[in-house]
Amino acid sequence: MQPETRMTAALPPDPAPDAAPLAAPEQSQRFAILGDVGAPVFAAWIARHARRLGLRGAILRHDAGRIDVVLTGLPDLLDAMALGCSLGPREVWVDRIDRAEAALQNLNEFASGGD
């Protein structure tokens, strides 16, 4: 009877204990939020939720049919913000959000005209 032979694959070495995990680079995007979005509470809602997600940015325009926002942060958090904005507070109805890449913004926090 022959002894059983096992094959093992070499595992890659463990990363250095002080090595930081790789993170996706931050991006800046411009959101054009279209619909019945004129309620004054929406700008404050956007600013509050952006801060909760750790996003930086500013509201550039706000009228009855459109809000333009520039946001900077990690791509997954920008996606989460877009989803949140599409649902919005109950005082607004969002028809669509047009997103476009923007020049990377160097903002310290989210700026809003009123919050």
N, C-alpha and C. Protein backbone atom coordinates (compact mmCIF):
# COMPACT_ATOMS: atom_id res chain seq x y z
N MET A 1 0.83 -1.17 0.00
CA MET A 1 0.00 0.00 0.00
C MET A 1 0.88 1.24 0.00
N GLN A 2 0.56 2.16 -0.86
CA GLN A 2 1.35 3.39 -1.02
C GLN A 2 0.86 4.45 -0.05
N PRO A 3 1.77 5.26 0.53
CA PRO A 3 1.32 6.35 1.41
C PRO A 3 0.59 7.42 0.59
N GLU A 4 -0.39 8.05 1.22
CA GLU A 4 -1.19 9.10 0.55
C GLU A 4 -0.34 10.36 0.38
N THR A 5 -0.40 10.93 -0.82
CA THR A 5 0.34 12.15 -1.11
C THR A 5 -0.64 13.31 -1.20
N ARG A 6 -0.35 14.38 -0.51
CA ARG A 6 -1.20 15.58 -0.56
C ARG A 6 -0.45 16.69 -1.26
N MET A 7 -1.18 17.39 -2.11
CA MET A 7 -0.59 18.54 -2.78
C MET A 7 -1.13 19.80 -2.10
N THR A 8 -0.27 20.71 -1.82
CA THR A 8 -0.69 21.97 -1.22
C THR A 8 -0.20 23.12 -2.09
N ALA A 9 -1.00 24.15 -2.14
CA ALA A 9 -0.62 25.35 -2.89
C ALA A 9 0.04 26.33 -1.92
N ALA A 10 1.04 26.99 -2.42
CA ALA A 10 1.70 28.00 -1.59
C ALA A 10 0.79 29.21 -1.45
N LEU A 11 0.62 29.68 -0.24
CA LEU A 11 -0.20 30.86 0.01
C LEU A 11 0.66 32.10 -0.08
N PRO A 12 0.08 33.21 -0.54
CA PRO A 12 0.86 34.44 -0.57
C PRO A 12 1.17 34.89 0.85
N PRO A 13 2.26 35.60 1.02
CA PRO A 13 2.62 36.04 2.37
C PRO A 13 1.57 37.03 2.90
N ASP A 14 1.40 37.03 4.21
CA ASP A 14 0.50 37.99 4.84
C ASP A 14 1.04 39.40 4.63
N PRO A 15 0.13 40.37 4.44
CA PRO A 15 0.62 41.75 4.30
C PRO A 15 1.22 42.22 5.62
N ALA A 16 2.06 43.21 5.51
CA ALA A 16 2.68 43.77 6.71
C ALA A 16 1.57 44.24 7.65
N PRO A 17 1.72 44.06 8.96
CA PRO A 17 0.65 44.42 9.89
C PRO A 17 0.29 45.90 9.86
N ASP A 18 1.23 46.75 9.48
CA ASP A 18 0.94 48.19 9.47
C ASP A 18 0.52 48.69 8.08
N ALA A 19 0.33 47.79 7.13
CA ALA A 19 -0.06 48.21 5.79
C ALA A 19 -1.54 48.57 5.78
N ALA A 20 -1.85 49.72 5.25
CA ALA A 20 -3.24 50.17 5.16
C ALA A 20 -3.91 49.48 3.97
N PRO A 21 -5.19 49.12 4.12
CA PRO A 21 -5.87 48.51 2.98
C PRO A 21 -6.02 49.52 1.85
N LEU A 22 -6.02 49.02 0.63
CA LEU A 22 -6.16 49.91 -0.51
C LEU A 22 -7.60 50.38 -0.60
N ALA A 23 -7.79 51.67 -0.77
CA ALA A 23 -9.13 52.24 -0.90
C ALA A 23 -9.27 52.86 -2.29
N ALA A 24 -10.49 52.89 -2.76
CA ALA A 24 -10.74 53.54 -4.05
C ALA A 24 -10.46 55.03 -3.90
N PRO A 25 -9.92 55.65 -4.92
CA PRO A 25 -9.67 57.09 -4.83
C PRO A 25 -10.98 57.86 -4.81
N GLU A 26 -10.93 59.00 -4.16
CA GLU A 26 -12.11 59.86 -4.14
C GLU A 26 -12.41 60.40 -5.52
N GLN A 27 -13.67 60.69 -5.74
CA GLN A 27 -14.13 61.29 -6.99
C GLN A 27 -15.00 62.49 -6.66
N SER A 28 -15.12 63.38 -7.61
CA SER A 28 -16.11 64.46 -7.52
C SER A 28 -17.11 64.26 -8.64
N GLN A 29 -18.37 64.41 -8.30
CA GLN A 29 -19.44 64.29 -9.28
C GLN A 29 -20.42 65.43 -9.10
N ARG A 30 -21.03 65.80 -10.21
CA ARG A 30 -22.10 66.79 -10.19
C ARG A 30 -23.41 66.04 -10.36
N PHE A 31 -24.33 66.25 -9.43
CA PHE A 31 -25.67 65.66 -9.50
C PHE A 31 -26.62 66.76 -9.95
N ALA A 32 -27.38 66.51 -11.00
CA ALA A 32 -28.50 67.38 -11.38
C ALA A 32 -29.75 66.60 -11.00
N ILE A 33 -30.41 67.03 -9.94
CA ILE A 33 -31.58 66.34 -9.41
C ILE A 33 -32.81 67.04 -9.96
N LEU A 34 -33.59 66.32 -10.76
CA LEU A 34 -34.71 66.91 -11.49
C LEU A 34 -36.04 66.35 -11.01
N GLY A 35 -37.05 67.22 -10.97
CA GLY A 35 -38.39 66.80 -10.57
C GLY A 35 -39.06 67.93 -9.82
N ASP A 36 -39.98 67.59 -8.95
CA ASP A 36 -40.64 68.57 -8.08
C ASP A 36 -39.81 68.66 -6.81
N VAL A 37 -38.72 69.42 -6.90
CA VAL A 37 -37.70 69.44 -5.84
C VAL A 37 -37.55 70.81 -5.20
N GLY A 38 -38.57 71.66 -5.32
CA GLY A 38 -38.46 73.03 -4.84
C GLY A 38 -38.65 73.22 -3.35
N ALA A 39 -39.07 72.18 -2.63
CA ALA A 39 -39.29 72.34 -1.19
C ALA A 39 -38.01 72.78 -0.50
N PRO A 40 -38.09 73.82 0.34
CA PRO A 40 -36.88 74.33 1.00
C PRO A 40 -36.17 73.29 1.86
N VAL A 41 -36.90 72.30 2.36
CA VAL A 41 -36.28 71.30 3.22
C VAL A 41 -35.30 70.40 2.47
N PHE A 42 -35.41 70.33 1.14
CA PHE A 42 -34.58 69.38 0.39
C PHE A 42 -33.10 69.76 0.44
N ALA A 43 -32.78 71.03 0.34
CA ALA A 43 -31.37 71.44 0.39
C ALA A 43 -30.75 71.06 1.73
N ALA A 44 -31.48 71.30 2.81
CA ALA A 44 -30.98 70.94 4.13
C ALA A 44 -30.87 69.42 4.27
N TRP A 45 -31.82 68.70 3.71
CA TRP A 45 -31.81 67.24 3.74
C TRP A 45 -30.57 66.71 3.02
N ILE A 46 -30.28 67.26 1.85
CA ILE A 46 -29.10 66.84 1.08
C ILE A 46 -27.83 67.10 1.88
N ALA A 47 -27.70 68.29 2.44
CA ALA A 47 -26.50 68.63 3.21
C ALA A 47 -26.33 67.70 4.40
N ARG A 48 -27.41 67.44 5.13
CA ARG A 48 -27.34 66.59 6.32
C ARG A 48 -26.93 65.16 5.94
N HIS A 49 -27.52 64.61 4.90
CA HIS A 49 -27.19 63.24 4.51
C HIS A 49 -25.79 63.14 3.90
N ALA A 50 -25.36 64.15 3.19
CA ALA A 50 -24.00 64.16 2.65
C ALA A 50 -22.99 64.13 3.80
N ARG A 51 -23.23 64.94 4.81
CA ARG A 51 -22.32 64.95 5.97
C ARG A 51 -22.32 63.59 6.68
N ARG A 52 -23.48 62.97 6.81
CA ARG A 52 -23.55 61.66 7.46
C ARG A 52 -22.74 60.61 6.70
N LEU A 53 -22.69 60.74 5.39
CA LEU A 53 -21.91 59.80 4.58
C LEU A 53 -20.44 60.19 4.47
N GLY A 54 -20.07 61.33 5.04
CA GLY A 54 -18.69 61.78 4.97
C GLY A 54 -18.34 62.41 3.64
N LEU A 55 -19.35 62.87 2.90
CA LEU A 55 -19.11 63.53 1.62
C LEU A 55 -18.91 65.01 1.82
N ARG A 56 -18.16 65.59 0.91
CA ARG A 56 -17.96 67.04 0.91
C ARG A 56 -18.57 67.58 -0.37
N GLY A 57 -19.00 68.83 -0.35
CA GLY A 57 -19.57 69.40 -1.56
C GLY A 57 -20.34 70.66 -1.30
N ALA A 58 -21.19 71.02 -2.25
CA ALA A 58 -21.96 72.25 -2.15
C ALA A 58 -23.17 72.17 -3.07
N ILE A 59 -24.22 72.87 -2.68
CA ILE A 59 -25.38 73.04 -3.55
C ILE A 59 -25.10 74.25 -4.42
N LEU A 60 -25.15 74.05 -5.73
CA LEU A 60 -24.81 75.11 -6.67
C LEU A 60 -26.04 75.86 -7.16
N ARG A 61 -27.18 75.17 -7.22
CA ARG A 61 -28.40 75.78 -7.74
C ARG A 61 -29.58 75.05 -7.12
N HIS A 62 -30.65 75.81 -6.79
CA HIS A 62 -31.85 75.18 -6.25
C HIS A 62 -33.06 75.98 -6.68
N ASP A 63 -33.90 75.37 -7.49
CA ASP A 63 -35.17 76.00 -7.84
C ASP A 63 -36.25 74.91 -7.85
N ALA A 64 -37.45 75.26 -8.27
CA ALA A 64 -38.59 74.34 -8.17
C ALA A 64 -38.39 73.04 -8.93
N GLY A 65 -37.66 73.06 -10.04
CA GLY A 65 -37.53 71.87 -10.87
C GLY A 65 -36.17 71.23 -10.89
N ARG A 66 -35.19 71.83 -10.17
CA ARG A 66 -33.83 71.30 -10.29
C ARG A 66 -32.97 71.74 -9.11
N ILE A 67 -32.13 70.81 -8.67
CA ILE A 67 -31.07 71.12 -7.71
C ILE A 67 -29.78 70.60 -8.32
N ASP A 68 -28.76 71.45 -8.39
CA ASP A 68 -27.42 71.02 -8.83
C ASP A 68 -26.52 70.96 -7.60
N VAL A 69 -25.88 69.82 -7.44
CA VAL A 69 -25.02 69.59 -6.28
C VAL A 69 -23.69 69.03 -6.79
N VAL A 70 -22.59 69.48 -6.21
CA VAL A 70 -21.29 68.87 -6.48
C VAL A 70 -20.89 68.15 -5.19
N LEU A 71 -20.44 66.90 -5.34
CA LEU A 71 -20.10 66.07 -4.19
C LEU A 71 -18.74 65.42 -4.42
N THR A 72 -17.98 65.27 -3.34
CA THR A 72 -16.68 64.61 -3.39
C THR A 72 -16.64 63.53 -2.31
N GLY A 73 -16.20 62.34 -2.70
CA GLY A 73 -16.08 61.24 -1.75
C GLY A 73 -15.78 59.94 -2.46
N LEU A 74 -15.86 58.86 -1.72
CA LEU A 74 -15.62 57.54 -2.29
C LEU A 74 -16.77 57.15 -3.21
N PRO A 75 -16.48 56.44 -4.30
CA PRO A 75 -17.52 56.10 -5.28
C PRO A 75 -18.74 55.41 -4.69
N ASP A 76 -18.55 54.46 -3.78
CA ASP A 76 -19.69 53.77 -3.18
C ASP A 76 -20.57 54.71 -2.37
N LEU A 77 -19.95 55.69 -1.73
CA LEU A 77 -20.73 56.66 -0.95
C LEU A 77 -21.47 57.63 -1.85
N LEU A 78 -20.88 57.97 -2.99
CA LEU A 78 -21.60 58.79 -3.97
C LEU A 78 -22.81 58.03 -4.51
N ASP A 79 -22.66 56.73 -4.73
CA ASP A 79 -23.79 55.91 -5.17
C ASP A 79 -24.88 55.88 -4.10
N ALA A 80 -24.48 55.75 -2.84
CA ALA A 80 -25.45 55.74 -1.75
C ALA A 80 -26.19 57.07 -1.67
N MET A 81 -25.47 58.16 -1.89
CA MET A 81 -26.11 59.48 -1.86
C MET A 81 -27.10 59.63 -3.00
N ALA A 82 -26.75 59.14 -4.18
CA ALA A 82 -27.68 59.21 -5.31
C ALA A 82 -28.95 58.43 -5.01
N LEU A 83 -28.80 57.26 -4.42
CA LEU A 83 -29.97 56.46 -4.06
C LEU A 83 -30.83 57.21 -3.04
N GLY A 84 -30.18 57.76 -2.02
CA GLY A 84 -30.92 58.52 -1.01
C GLY A 84 -31.65 59.70 -1.61
N CYS A 85 -30.98 60.44 -2.49
CA CYS A 85 -31.61 61.60 -3.12
C CYS A 85 -32.78 61.19 -4.00
N SER A 86 -32.69 60.03 -4.64
CA SER A 86 -33.79 59.59 -5.50
C SER A 86 -35.05 59.31 -4.68
N LEU A 87 -34.88 58.93 -3.43
CA LEU A 87 -36.01 58.70 -2.53
C LEU A 87 -36.41 59.99 -1.83
N GLY A 88 -35.41 60.79 -1.44
CA GLY A 88 -35.62 62.11 -0.87
C GLY A 88 -36.57 62.17 0.31
N PRO A 89 -36.79 63.36 0.84
CA PRO A 89 -37.82 63.53 1.87
C PRO A 89 -39.20 63.50 1.21
N ARG A 90 -40.24 63.34 2.00
CA ARG A 90 -41.59 63.20 1.43
C ARG A 90 -42.10 64.46 0.75
N GLU A 91 -41.48 65.60 1.00
CA GLU A 91 -41.93 66.87 0.41
C GLU A 91 -41.52 67.05 -1.05
N VAL A 92 -40.70 66.14 -1.57
CA VAL A 92 -40.22 66.29 -2.96
C VAL A 92 -40.53 65.03 -3.76
N TRP A 93 -40.49 65.19 -5.08
CA TRP A 93 -40.62 64.06 -6.00
C TRP A 93 -39.47 64.16 -7.00
N VAL A 94 -38.58 63.19 -6.97
CA VAL A 94 -37.43 63.18 -7.87
C VAL A 94 -37.76 62.33 -9.08
N ASP A 95 -37.71 62.95 -10.26
CA ASP A 95 -37.93 62.21 -11.51
C ASP A 95 -36.67 61.48 -11.95
N ARG A 96 -35.53 62.17 -11.86
CA ARG A 96 -34.27 61.53 -12.25
C ARG A 96 -33.10 62.33 -11.69
N ILE A 97 -31.95 61.66 -11.68
CA ILE A 97 -30.70 62.30 -11.27
C ILE A 97 -29.70 62.07 -12.39
N ASP A 98 -29.22 63.16 -12.98
CA ASP A 98 -28.15 63.07 -13.98
C ASP A 98 -26.83 63.27 -13.26
N ARG A 99 -25.92 62.32 -13.42
CA ARG A 99 -24.62 62.40 -12.75
C ARG A 99 -23.53 62.56 -13.79
N ALA A 100 -22.54 63.41 -13.47
CA ALA A 100 -21.40 63.61 -14.36
C ALA A 100 -20.15 63.80 -13.51
N GLU A 101 -19.03 63.34 -14.05
CA GLU A 101 -17.75 63.57 -13.38
C GLU A 101 -17.50 65.07 -13.29
N ALA A 102 -16.88 65.49 -12.23
CA ALA A 102 -16.53 66.90 -12.04
C ALA A 102 -15.07 66.97 -11.62
N ALA A 103 -14.48 68.14 -11.78
CA ALA A 103 -13.11 68.34 -11.31
C ALA A 103 -13.09 68.08 -9.81
N LEU A 104 -12.05 67.41 -9.33
CA LEU A 104 -11.94 67.07 -7.92
C LEU A 104 -12.02 68.34 -7.08
N GLN A 105 -12.97 68.37 -6.17
CA GLN A 105 -13.19 69.53 -5.31
C GLN A 105 -12.40 69.37 -4.02
N ASN A 106 -11.78 70.43 -3.58
CA ASN A 106 -11.02 70.41 -2.34
C ASN A 106 -11.80 71.17 -1.27
N LEU A 107 -12.87 70.55 -0.80
CA LEU A 107 -13.72 71.16 0.22
C LEU A 107 -13.54 70.41 1.53
N ASN A 108 -13.65 71.13 2.64
CA ASN A 108 -13.48 70.51 3.94
C ASN A 108 -14.75 69.84 4.45
N GLU A 109 -15.93 70.32 4.03
CA GLU A 109 -17.19 69.77 4.49
C GLU A 109 -18.26 70.10 3.46
N PHE A 110 -19.50 69.79 3.79
CA PHE A 110 -20.58 70.11 2.88
C PHE A 110 -21.08 71.51 3.19
N ALA A 111 -21.12 72.36 2.16
CA ALA A 111 -21.60 73.73 2.31
C ALA A 111 -23.02 73.81 1.79
N SER A 112 -23.87 74.51 2.50
CA SER A 112 -25.26 74.65 2.09
C SER A 112 -25.72 76.06 2.40
N GLY A 113 -26.64 76.54 1.59
CA GLY A 113 -27.19 77.87 1.81
C GLY A 113 -28.03 77.96 3.06
N GLY A 114 -28.55 76.87 3.54
CA GLY A 114 -29.36 76.89 4.75
C GLY A 114 -29.54 75.49 5.28
N ASP A 115 -29.27 75.32 6.55
CA ASP A 115 -29.41 73.99 7.15
C ASP A 115 -29.78 74.12 8.59
